[in-house]
Amino acid sequence: MMTNTFSTDSLLFSKWTKESQHELTDRFYLVVACQRDAQGQLMQVVMQDINTLQEQEMDWHELEDPNHWHMGWN
């Protein structure tokens, strides 16, 4: 299975597009925070919708799914 590949160290302020099956347009997000555990392992990211400025926490592994996410705004 293909996955998006990226360094977890470079996620902060990276740009992502969420593929939309149910909406007319794709949604654009910015990683505005990275939450790590005591050992420094990435646990979650905070994604901000650049249109509504709403933020949501999610497991960073979700960004590896190319069926739902791709890096960049395009």
PDB file of N, CA and C in Angstrom:
ATOM      1  N   MET A   1       0.838  -1.194   0.000  1.00  0.00           N
ATOM      2  CA  MET A   1       0.000   0.000   0.000  1.00  0.00           C
ATOM      3  C   MET A   1       0.875   1.247   0.000  1.00  0.00           C
ATOM      4  N   MET A   2       0.552   2.173  -0.850  1.00  0.00           N
ATOM      5  CA  MET A   2       1.303   3.423  -0.914  1.00  0.00           C
ATOM      6  C   MET A   2       0.928   4.303   0.279  1.00  0.00           C
ATOM      7  N   THR A   3       1.909   4.999   0.824  1.00  0.00           N
ATOM      8  CA  THR A   3       1.646   5.956   1.887  1.00  0.00           C
ATOM      9  C   THR A   3       2.379   7.244   1.577  1.00  0.00           C
ATOM     10  N   ASN A   4       1.871   8.349   2.117  1.00  0.00           N
ATOM     11  CA  ASN A   4       2.593   9.603   2.055  1.00  0.00           C
ATOM     12  C   ASN A   4       3.821   9.465   2.947  1.00  0.00           C
ATOM     13  N   THR A   5       4.973   9.881   2.468  1.00  0.00           N
ATOM     14  CA  THR A   5       6.186   9.804   3.281  1.00  0.00           C
ATOM     15  C   THR A   5       6.665  11.208   3.589  1.00  0.00           C
ATOM     16  N   PHE A   6       7.045  11.417   4.836  1.00  0.00           N
ATOM     17  CA  PHE A   6       7.519  12.720   5.289  1.00  0.00           C
ATOM     18  C   PHE A   6       8.239  12.521   6.603  1.00  0.00           C
ATOM     19  N   SER A   7       9.032  13.500   6.958  1.00  0.00           N
ATOM     20  CA  SER A   7       9.717  13.461   8.241  1.00  0.00           C
ATOM     21  C   SER A   7       8.818  14.079   9.297  1.00  0.00           C
ATOM     22  N   THR A   8       8.666  13.396  10.427  1.00  0.00           N
ATOM     23  CA  THR A   8       7.834  13.968  11.494  1.00  0.00           C
ATOM     24  C   THR A   8       8.464  15.246  12.034  1.00  0.00           C
ATOM     25  N   ASP A   9       9.778  15.424  11.835  1.00  0.00           N
ATOM     26  CA  ASP A   9      10.441  16.641  12.313  1.00  0.00           C
ATOM     27  C   ASP A   9      10.099  17.854  11.456  1.00  0.00           C
ATOM     28  N   SER A  10       9.593  17.622  10.257  1.00  0.00           N
ATOM     29  CA  SER A  10       9.297  18.749   9.364  1.00  0.00           C
ATOM     30  C   SER A  10       7.800  19.013   9.218  1.00  0.00           C
ATOM     31  N   LEU A  11       6.986  18.409  10.087  1.00  0.00           N
ATOM     32  CA  LEU A  11       5.532  18.574   9.960  1.00  0.00           C
ATOM     33  C   LEU A  11       5.032  19.952  10.380  1.00  0.00           C
ATOM     34  N   LEU A  12       5.663  20.558  11.375  1.00  0.00           N
ATOM     35  CA  LEU A  12       5.150  21.836  11.889  1.00  0.00           C
ATOM     36  C   LEU A  12       5.127  22.877  10.776  1.00  0.00           C
ATOM     37  N   PHE A  13       3.969  23.493  10.599  1.00  0.00           N
ATOM     38  CA  PHE A  13       3.701  24.518   9.584  1.00  0.00           C
ATOM     39  C   PHE A  13       3.720  23.976   8.156  1.00  0.00           C
ATOM     40  N   SER A  14       3.622  22.642   8.011  1.00  0.00           N
ATOM     41  CA  SER A  14       3.500  22.095   6.663  1.00  0.00           C
ATOM     42  C   SER A  14       2.047  22.242   6.191  1.00  0.00           C
ATOM     43  N   LYS A  15       1.881  22.260   4.876  1.00  0.00           N
ATOM     44  CA  LYS A  15       0.578  22.476   4.254  1.00  0.00           C
ATOM     45  C   LYS A  15       0.036  21.141   3.741  1.00  0.00           C
ATOM     46  N   TRP A  16      -1.269  20.926   3.953  1.00  0.00           N
ATOM     47  CA  TRP A  16      -1.908  19.670   3.551  1.00  0.00           C
ATOM     48  C   TRP A  16      -3.255  19.945   2.903  1.00  0.00           C
ATOM     49  N   THR A  17      -3.618  19.099   1.964  1.00  0.00           N
ATOM     50  CA  THR A  17      -4.941  19.140   1.348  1.00  0.00           C
ATOM     51  C   THR A  17      -5.677  17.863   1.712  1.00  0.00           C
ATOM     52  N   LYS A  18      -6.887  18.022   2.241  1.00  0.00           N
ATOM     53  CA  LYS A  18      -7.727  16.870   2.569  1.00  0.00           C
ATOM     54  C   LYS A  18      -8.621  16.586   1.381  1.00  0.00           C
ATOM     55  N   GLU A  19      -8.478  15.365   0.848  1.00  0.00           N
ATOM     56  CA  GLU A  19      -9.306  14.958  -0.282  1.00  0.00           C
ATOM     57  C   GLU A  19     -10.740  14.799   0.196  1.00  0.00           C
ATOM     58  N   SER A  20     -11.669  15.342  -0.553  1.00  0.00           N
ATOM     59  CA  SER A  20     -13.063  15.313  -0.109  1.00  0.00           C
ATOM     60  C   SER A  20     -13.919  14.484  -1.040  1.00  0.00           C
ATOM     61  N   GLN A  21     -14.539  13.452  -0.471  1.00  0.00           N
ATOM     62  CA  GLN A  21     -15.487  12.663  -1.244  1.00  0.00           C
ATOM     63  C   GLN A  21     -16.904  13.222  -1.102  1.00  0.00           C
ATOM     64  N   HIS A  22     -17.147  13.939  -0.001  1.00  0.00           N
ATOM     65  CA  HIS A  22     -18.516  14.352   0.319  1.00  0.00           C
ATOM     66  C   HIS A  22     -18.760  15.844   0.116  1.00  0.00           C
ATOM     67  N   GLU A  23     -17.698  16.599  -0.129  1.00  0.00           N
ATOM     68  CA  GLU A  23     -17.862  18.038  -0.316  1.00  0.00           C
ATOM     69  C   GLU A  23     -17.447  18.395  -1.732  1.00  0.00           C
ATOM     70  N   LEU A  24     -17.829  19.570  -2.159  1.00  0.00           N
ATOM     71  CA  LEU A  24     -17.542  19.982  -3.532  1.00  0.00           C
ATOM     72  C   LEU A  24     -16.080  20.371  -3.710  1.00  0.00           C
ATOM     73  N   THR A  25     -15.453  20.838  -2.649  1.00  0.00           N
ATOM     74  CA  THR A  25     -14.073  21.289  -2.764  1.00  0.00           C
ATOM     75  C   THR A  25     -13.199  20.605  -1.728  1.00  0.00           C
ATOM     76  N   ASP A  26     -11.931  20.449  -2.067  1.00  0.00           N
ATOM     77  CA  ASP A  26     -10.965  19.944  -1.100  1.00  0.00           C
ATOM     78  C   ASP A  26     -10.741  21.010  -0.042  1.00  0.00           C
ATOM     79  N   ARG A  27     -10.283  20.604   1.132  1.00  0.00           N
ATOM     80  CA  ARG A  27     -10.039  21.525   2.230  1.00  0.00           C
ATOM     81  C   ARG A  27      -8.539  21.644   2.454  1.00  0.00           C
ATOM     82  N   PHE A  28      -8.092  22.857   2.744  1.00  0.00           N
ATOM     83  CA  PHE A  28      -6.677  23.124   2.941  1.00  0.00           C
ATOM     84  C   PHE A  28      -6.381  23.333   4.417  1.00  0.00           C
ATOM     85  N   TYR A  29      -5.325  22.678   4.887  1.00  0.00           N
ATOM     86  CA  TYR A  29      -4.966  22.712   6.304  1.00  0.00           C
ATOM     87  C   TYR A  29      -3.493  23.049   6.485  1.00  0.00           C
ATOM     88  N   LEU A  30      -3.200  23.605   7.658  1.00  0.00           N
ATOM     89  CA  LEU A  30      -1.844  23.901   8.077  1.00  0.00           C
ATOM     90  C   LEU A  30      -1.622  23.215   9.416  1.00  0.00           C
ATOM     91  N   VAL A  31      -0.469  22.542   9.559  1.00  0.00           N
ATOM     92  CA  VAL A  31      -0.121  21.947  10.857  1.00  0.00           C
ATOM     93  C   VAL A  31       0.363  23.078  11.762  1.00  0.00           C
ATOM     94  N   VAL A  32      -0.405  23.389  12.802  1.00  0.00           N
ATOM     95  CA  VAL A  32      -0.063  24.519  13.670  1.00  0.00           C
ATOM     96  C   VAL A  32       0.557  24.092  14.993  1.00  0.00           C
ATOM     97  N   ALA A  33       0.527  22.794  15.304  1.00  0.00           N
ATOM     98  CA  ALA A  33       1.168  22.315  16.537  1.00  0.00           C
ATOM     99  C   ALA A  33       1.450  20.821  16.397  1.00  0.00           C
ATOM    100  N   CYS A  34       2.529  20.398  17.051  1.00  0.00           N
ATOM    101  CA  CYS A  34       2.891  18.982  17.113  1.00  0.00           C
ATOM    102  C   CYS A  34       3.003  18.607  18.582  1.00  0.00           C
ATOM    103  N   GLN A  35       2.279  17.578  18.981  1.00  0.00           N
ATOM    104  CA  GLN A  35       2.283  17.151  20.377  1.00  0.00           C
ATOM    105  C   GLN A  35       3.108  15.879  20.502  1.00  0.00           C
ATOM    106  N   ARG A  36       4.109  15.923  21.388  1.00  0.00           N
ATOM    107  CA  ARG A  36       5.023  14.804  21.556  1.00  0.00           C
ATOM    108  C   ARG A  36       4.926  14.250  22.973  1.00  0.00           C
ATOM    109  N   ASP A  37       5.312  12.982  23.114  1.00  0.00           N
ATOM    110  CA  ASP A  37       5.323  12.378  24.443  1.00  0.00           C
ATOM    111  C   ASP A  37       6.642  12.713  25.144  1.00  0.00           C
ATOM    112  N   ALA A  38       6.827  12.177  26.350  1.00  0.00           N
ATOM    113  CA  ALA A  38       8.002  12.495  27.161  1.00  0.00           C
ATOM    114  C   ALA A  38       9.306  12.070  26.486  1.00  0.00           C
ATOM    115  N   GLN A  39       9.233  11.081  25.602  1.00  0.00           N
ATOM    116  CA  GLN A  39      10.427  10.613  24.888  1.00  0.00           C
ATOM    117  C   GLN A  39      10.667  11.382  23.594  1.00  0.00           C
ATOM    118  N   GLY A  40       9.777  12.333  23.296  1.00  0.00           N
ATOM    119  CA  GLY A  40       9.933  13.126  22.084  1.00  0.00           C
ATOM    120  C   GLY A  40       9.305  12.520  20.851  1.00  0.00           C
ATOM    121  N   GLN A  41       8.568  11.420  21.029  1.00  0.00           N
ATOM    122  CA  GLN A  41       7.893  10.787  19.890  1.00  0.00           C
ATOM    123  C   GLN A  41       6.621  11.559  19.548  1.00  0.00           C
ATOM    124  N   LEU A  42       6.427  11.824  18.277  1.00  0.00           N
ATOM    125  CA  LEU A  42       5.244  12.555  17.843  1.00  0.00           C
ATOM    126  C   LEU A  42       3.991  11.733  18.121  1.00  0.00           C
ATOM    127  N   MET A  43       3.006  12.353  18.742  1.00  0.00           N
ATOM    128  CA  MET A  43       1.759  11.673  19.067  1.00  0.00           C
ATOM    129  C   MET A  43       0.609  12.191  18.200  1.00  0.00           C
ATOM    130  N   GLN A  44       0.424  13.503  18.209  1.00  0.00           N
ATOM    131  CA  GLN A  44      -0.689  14.107  17.488  1.00  0.00           C
ATOM    132  C   GLN A  44      -0.246  15.401  16.836  1.00  0.00           C
ATOM    133  N   VAL A  45      -1.004  15.813  15.847  1.00  0.00           N
ATOM    134  CA  VAL A  45      -0.814  17.123  15.240  1.00  0.00           C
ATOM    135  C   VAL A  45      -2.115  17.902  15.383  1.00  0.00           C
ATOM    136  N   VAL A  46      -1.991  19.217  15.371  1.00  0.00           N
ATOM    137  CA  VAL A  46      -3.161  20.088  15.359  1.00  0.00           C
ATOM    138  C   VAL A  46      -3.236  20.709  13.969  1.00  0.00           C
ATOM    139  N   MET A  47      -4.338  20.415  13.284  1.00  0.00           N
ATOM    140  CA  MET A  47      -4.550  20.887  11.924  1.00  0.00           C
ATOM    141  C   MET A  47      -5.499  22.076  11.950  1.00  0.00           C
ATOM    142  N   GLN A  48      -5.119  23.148  11.260  1.00  0.00           N
ATOM    143  CA  GLN A  48      -5.993  24.317  11.177  1.00  0.00           C
ATOM    144  C   GLN A  48      -6.513  24.449   9.750  1.00  0.00           C
ATOM    145  N   ASP A  49      -7.836  24.504   9.614  1.00  0.00           N
ATOM    146  CA  ASP A  49      -8.477  24.754   8.329  1.00  0.00           C
ATOM    147  C   ASP A  49      -8.188  26.215   7.964  1.00  0.00           C
ATOM    148  N   ILE A  50      -7.528  26.448   6.822  1.00  0.00           N
ATOM    149  CA  ILE A  50      -7.110  27.818   6.519  1.00  0.00           C
ATOM    150  C   ILE A  50      -8.273  28.719   6.128  1.00  0.00           C
ATOM    151  N   ASN A  51      -9.431  28.125   5.815  1.00  0.00           N
ATOM    152  CA  ASN A  51     -10.586  28.948   5.456  1.00  0.00           C
ATOM    153  C   ASN A  51     -11.412  29.339   6.668  1.00  0.00           C
ATOM    154  N   THR A  52     -11.617  28.405   7.588  1.00  0.00           N
ATOM    155  CA  THR A  52     -12.465  28.683   8.752  1.00  0.00           C
ATOM    156  C   THR A  52     -11.651  28.987  10.006  1.00  0.00           C
ATOM    157  N   LEU A  53     -10.337  28.669   9.979  1.00  0.00           N
ATOM    158  CA  LEU A  53      -9.432  28.796  11.126  1.00  0.00           C
ATOM    159  C   LEU A  53      -9.780  27.856  12.271  1.00  0.00           C
ATOM    160  N   GLN A  54     -10.699  26.920  12.027  1.00  0.00           N
ATOM    161  CA  GLN A  54     -11.003  25.915  13.043  1.00  0.00           C
ATOM    162  C   GLN A  54      -9.843  24.941  13.148  1.00  0.00           C
ATOM    163  N   GLU A  55      -9.573  24.496  14.387  1.00  0.00           N
ATOM    164  CA  GLU A  55      -8.479  23.574  14.626  1.00  0.00           C
ATOM    165  C   GLU A  55      -9.011  22.231  15.086  1.00  0.00           C
ATOM    166  N   GLN A  56      -8.301  21.171  14.707  1.00  0.00           N
ATOM    167  CA  GLN A  56      -8.668  19.834  15.159  1.00  0.00           C
ATOM    168  C   GLN A  56      -7.400  19.044  15.430  1.00  0.00           C
ATOM    169  N   GLU A  57      -7.434  18.280  16.519  1.00  0.00           N
ATOM    170  CA  GLU A  57      -6.329  17.390  16.833  1.00  0.00           C
ATOM    171  C   GLU A  57      -6.559  16.071  16.127  1.00  0.00           C
ATOM    172  N   MET A  58      -5.483  15.463  15.661  1.00  0.00           N
ATOM    173  CA  MET A  58      -5.603  14.151  15.039  1.00  0.00           C
ATOM    174  C   MET A  58      -4.292  13.398  15.157  1.00  0.00           C
ATOM    175  N   ASP A  59      -4.388  12.087  15.053  1.00  0.00           N
ATOM    176  CA  ASP A  59      -3.215  11.230  15.039  1.00  0.00           C
ATOM    177  C   ASP A  59      -2.426  11.543  13.769  1.00  0.00           C
ATOM    178  N   TRP A  60      -1.134  11.779  13.889  1.00  0.00           N
ATOM    179  CA  TRP A  60      -0.344  12.152  12.712  1.00  0.00           C
ATOM    180  C   TRP A  60      -0.284  11.047  11.666  1.00  0.00           C
ATOM    181  N   HIS A  61      -0.520   9.796  12.085  1.00  0.00           N
ATOM    182  CA  HIS A  61      -0.483   8.694  11.129  1.00  0.00           C
ATOM    183  C   HIS A  61      -1.568   8.822  10.048  1.00  0.00           C
ATOM    184  N   GLU A  62      -2.644   9.563  10.367  1.00  0.00           N
ATOM    185  CA  GLU A  62      -3.697   9.752   9.368  1.00  0.00           C
ATOM    186  C   GLU A  62      -3.161  10.459   8.126  1.00  0.00           C
ATOM    187  N   LEU A  63      -2.135  11.292   8.302  1.00  0.00           N
ATOM    188  CA  LEU A  63      -1.567  12.018   7.168  1.00  0.00           C
ATOM    189  C   LEU A  63      -0.829  11.096   6.201  1.00  0.00           C
ATOM    190  N   GLU A  64      -0.540   9.875   6.633  1.00  0.00           N
ATOM    191  CA  GLU A  64       0.140   8.917   5.752  1.00  0.00           C
ATOM    192  C   GLU A  64      -0.799   8.313   4.713  1.00  0.00           C
ATOM    193  N   ASP A  65      -2.110   8.518   4.858  1.00  0.00           N
ATOM    194  CA  ASP A  65      -3.098   7.914   3.963  1.00  0.00           C
ATOM    195  C   ASP A  65      -3.313   8.793   2.724  1.00  0.00           C
ATOM    196  N   PRO A  66      -2.782   8.376   1.563  1.00  0.00           N
ATOM    197  CA  PRO A  66      -2.914   9.208   0.360  1.00  0.00           C
ATOM    198  C   PRO A  66      -4.340   9.250  -0.199  1.00  0.00           C
ATOM    199  N   ASN A  67      -5.224   8.390   0.305  1.00  0.00           N
ATOM    200  CA  ASN A  67      -6.622   8.454  -0.133  1.00  0.00           C
ATOM    201  C   ASN A  67      -7.351   9.630   0.496  1.00  0.00           C
ATOM    202  N   HIS A  68      -6.805  10.170   1.577  1.00  0.00           N
ATOM    203  CA  HIS A  68      -7.465  11.277   2.267  1.00  0.00           C
ATOM    204  C   HIS A  68      -6.642  12.560   2.319  1.00  0.00           C
ATOM    205  N   TRP A  69      -5.312  12.428   2.257  1.00  0.00           N
ATOM    206  CA  TRP A  69      -4.444  13.588   2.437  1.00  0.00           C
ATOM    207  C   TRP A  69      -3.332  13.615   1.406  1.00  0.00           C
ATOM    208  N   HIS A  70      -2.955  14.816   0.955  1.00  0.00           N
ATOM    209  CA  HIS A  70      -1.690  14.967   0.254  1.00  0.00           C
ATOM    210  C   HIS A  70      -1.028  16.274   0.662  1.00  0.00           C
ATOM    211  N   MET A  71       0.300  16.260   0.607  1.00  0.00           N
ATOM    212  CA  MET A  71       1.073  17.401   1.068  1.00  0.00           C
ATOM    213  C   MET A  71       0.975  18.543   0.052  1.00  0.00           C
ATOM    214  N   GLY A  72       0.847  19.744   0.563  1.00  0.00           N
ATOM    215  CA  GLY A  72       0.741  20.928  -0.283  1.00  0.00           C
ATOM    216  C   GLY A  72      -0.703  21.363  -0.471  1.00  0.00           C
ATOM    217  N   TRP A  73      -0.855  22.562  -1.008  1.00  0.00           N
ATOM    218  CA  TRP A  73      -2.195  23.098  -1.322  1.00  0.00           C
ATOM    219  C   TRP A  73      -2.307  23.174  -2.833  1.00  0.00           C
ATOM    220  N   ASN A  74      -2.997  22.202  -3.402  1.00  0.00           N
ATOM    221  CA  ASN A  74      -3.194  22.254  -4.852  1.00  0.00           C
ATOM    222  C   ASN A  74      -4.386  21.394  -5.246  1.00  0.00           C
TER     223      ASN A  74
END
